[in-house]
C-alpha atoms as a PDB file:
ATOM      1  CA  MET A   1     -73.460  13.926 179.301  1.00  0.00           C
ATOM      2  CA  SER A   2     -75.922  14.104 182.267  1.00  0.00           C
ATOM      3  CA  ALA A   3     -74.684  12.552 185.544  1.00  0.00           C
ATOM      4  CA  SER A   4     -77.722  10.250 185.584  1.00  0.00           C
ATOM      5  CA  LEU A   5     -76.721   8.779 182.084  1.00  0.00           C
ATOM      6  CA  LYS A   6     -73.020   7.942 182.960  1.00  0.00           C
ATOM      7  CA  LYS A   7     -72.099   4.439 182.037  1.00  0.00           C
ATOM      8  CA  PRO A   8     -71.522   2.537 185.416  1.00  0.00           C
ATOM      9  CA  GLU A   9     -67.897   1.497 186.092  1.00  0.00           C
ATOM     10  CA  ALA A  10     -67.139  -2.376 185.806  1.00  0.00           C
ATOM     11  CA  PRO A  11     -66.429  -3.914 189.033  1.00  0.00           C
ATOM     12  CA  VAL A  12     -62.777  -4.491 189.772  1.00  0.00           C
ATOM     13  CA  LEU A  13     -61.628  -8.150 190.581  1.00  0.00           C
ATOM     14  CA  ASP A  14     -58.956  -8.294 193.268  1.00  0.00           C
ATOM     15  CA  GLU A  15     -56.541 -10.856 191.769  1.00  0.00           C
ATOM     16  CA  SER A  16     -54.105 -10.471 194.618  1.00  0.00           C
ATOM     17  CA  MET A  17     -53.236 -13.445 196.876  1.00  0.00           C
ATOM     18  CA  ASP A  18     -53.018 -11.357 199.949  1.00  0.00           C
ATOM     19  CA  MET A  19     -55.905 -13.291 201.664  1.00  0.00           C
ATOM     20  CA  CYS A  20     -54.890 -16.870 200.727  1.00  0.00           C
ATOM     21  CA  VAL A  21     -52.575 -19.394 202.198  1.00  0.00           C
ATOM     22  CA  LEU A  22     -51.053 -22.353 200.428  1.00  0.00           C
ATOM     23  CA  VAL A  23     -50.916 -25.513 202.564  1.00  0.00           C
ATOM     24  CA  ASP A  24     -48.643 -28.053 201.352  1.00  0.00           C
ATOM     25  CA  SER A  25     -48.062 -31.834 202.205  1.00  0.00           C
ATOM     26  CA  ILE A  26     -51.736 -32.459 203.286  1.00  0.00           C
ATOM     27  CA  PRO A  27     -52.849 -36.248 203.034  1.00  0.00           C
ATOM     28  CA  VAL A  28     -53.979 -37.359 199.827  1.00  0.00           C
ATOM     29  CA  VAL A  29     -57.505 -38.681 200.076  1.00  0.00           C
ATOM     30  CA  GLY A  30     -60.344 -39.970 198.108  1.00  0.00           C
ATOM     31  CA  ALA A  31     -64.002 -38.657 198.115  1.00  0.00           C
ATOM     32  CA  ASP A  32     -64.732 -40.913 201.244  1.00  0.00           C
ATOM     33  CA  LYS A  33     -62.498 -38.884 203.305  1.00  0.00           C
ATOM     34  CA  TYR A  34     -62.617 -35.392 201.665  1.00  0.00           C
ATOM     35  CA  ASP A  35     -65.263 -33.949 204.269  1.00  0.00           C
ATOM     36  CA  LYS A  36     -63.298 -35.332 207.003  1.00  0.00           C
ATOM     37  CA  LEU A  37     -59.959 -33.585 205.871  1.00  0.00           C
ATOM     38  CA  ILE A  38     -61.907 -30.309 205.092  1.00  0.00           C
ATOM     39  CA  HIS A  39     -63.257 -30.305 208.709  1.00  0.00           C
ATOM     40  CA  PHE A  40     -59.914 -31.127 210.375  1.00  0.00           C
ATOM     41  CA  VAL A  41     -58.149 -28.337 208.282  1.00  0.00           C
ATOM     42  CA  LYS A  42     -60.913 -25.700 209.307  1.00  0.00           C
ATOM     43  CA  ALA A  43     -60.487 -26.769 212.862  1.00  0.00           C
ATOM     44  CA  LYS A  44     -56.570 -26.203 212.648  1.00  0.00           C
ATOM     45  CA  PHE A  45     -56.637 -22.867 210.850  1.00  0.00           C
ATOM     46  CA  ALA A  46     -59.847 -21.212 212.109  1.00  0.00           C
ATOM     47  CA  PRO A  47     -57.895 -19.624 215.085  1.00  0.00           C
ATOM     48  CA  SER A  48     -56.059 -17.492 212.634  1.00  0.00           C
ATOM     49  CA  GLY A  49     -59.353 -15.746 211.486  1.00  0.00           C
ATOM     50  CA  THR A  50     -62.463 -16.367 209.368  1.00  0.00           C
ATOM     51  CA  ILE A  51     -62.067 -18.727 206.684  1.00  0.00           C
ATOM     52  CA  VAL A  52     -63.987 -17.639 203.583  1.00  0.00           C
ATOM     53  CA  ASP A  53     -63.305 -20.843 201.363  1.00  0.00           C
ATOM     54  CA  ILE A  54     -60.965 -23.751 201.061  1.00  0.00           C
ATOM     55  CA  VAL A  55     -59.842 -25.145 197.608  1.00  0.00           C
ATOM     56  CA  MET A  56     -58.515 -28.535 197.663  1.00  0.00           C
ATOM     57  CA  PRO A  57     -57.552 -29.520 194.033  1.00  0.00           C
ATOM     58  CA  LYS A  58     -58.237 -33.186 192.890  1.00  0.00           C
ATOM     59  CA  ASP A  59     -56.757 -35.297 190.163  1.00  0.00           C
ATOM     60  CA  GLU A  60     -59.367 -35.582 187.522  1.00  0.00           C
ATOM     61  CA  SER A  61     -58.896 -39.252 186.616  1.00  0.00           C
ATOM     62  CA  SER A  62     -58.470 -40.746 190.102  1.00  0.00           C
ATOM     63  CA  GLY A  63     -60.620 -38.169 192.176  1.00  0.00           C
ATOM     64  CA  LEU A  64     -57.772 -38.072 194.761  1.00  0.00           C
ATOM     65  CA  THR A  65     -56.554 -34.829 196.314  1.00  0.00           C
ATOM     66  CA  LEU A  66     -53.349 -33.629 195.153  1.00  0.00           C
ATOM     67  CA  GLY A  67     -51.543 -33.029 198.589  1.00  0.00           C
ATOM     68  CA  TYR A  68     -52.031 -29.290 198.907  1.00  0.00           C
ATOM     69  CA  LEU A  69     -54.914 -26.711 199.215  1.00  0.00           C
ATOM     70  CA  PHE A  70     -55.497 -23.028 199.470  1.00  0.00           C
ATOM     71  CA  ILE A  71     -57.309 -21.261 202.406  1.00  0.00           C
ATOM     72  CA  GLN A  72     -58.862 -17.820 201.709  1.00  0.00           C
ATOM     73  CA  TYR A  73     -59.188 -15.731 204.826  1.00  0.00           C
ATOM     74  CA  SER A  74     -61.600 -12.480 205.040  1.00  0.00           C
ATOM     75  CA  THR A  75     -58.368 -10.231 205.516  1.00  0.00           C
ATOM     76  CA  ALA A  76     -54.739 -10.259 204.512  1.00  0.00           C
ATOM     77  CA  ALA A  77     -53.803  -9.652 208.022  1.00  0.00           C
ATOM     78  CA  GLU A  78     -55.734 -12.939 208.967  1.00  0.00           C
ATOM     79  CA  ALA A  79     -53.792 -14.851 206.181  1.00  0.00           C
ATOM     80  CA  GLN A  80     -50.510 -13.655 207.546  1.00  0.00           C
ATOM     81  CA  ALA A  81     -51.210 -14.432 211.199  1.00  0.00           C
END
């Protein structure tokens, strides 16, 4: 098979949690205070590194947060700082 006809390799998804931090015992809030809490969390955790994403799960029926969240940093070293 010619080099130009090789099947491209599929991208590899990094499923490790090395760049993520679990934050427990955060306030349980509704939609009215969700953005304010995200802003507060970013302000407190940004000194450790570049925050890529924050995921704060919510209860489907009530819409309230569940009291924990995940912060994804750009590198594993930042997540461990």
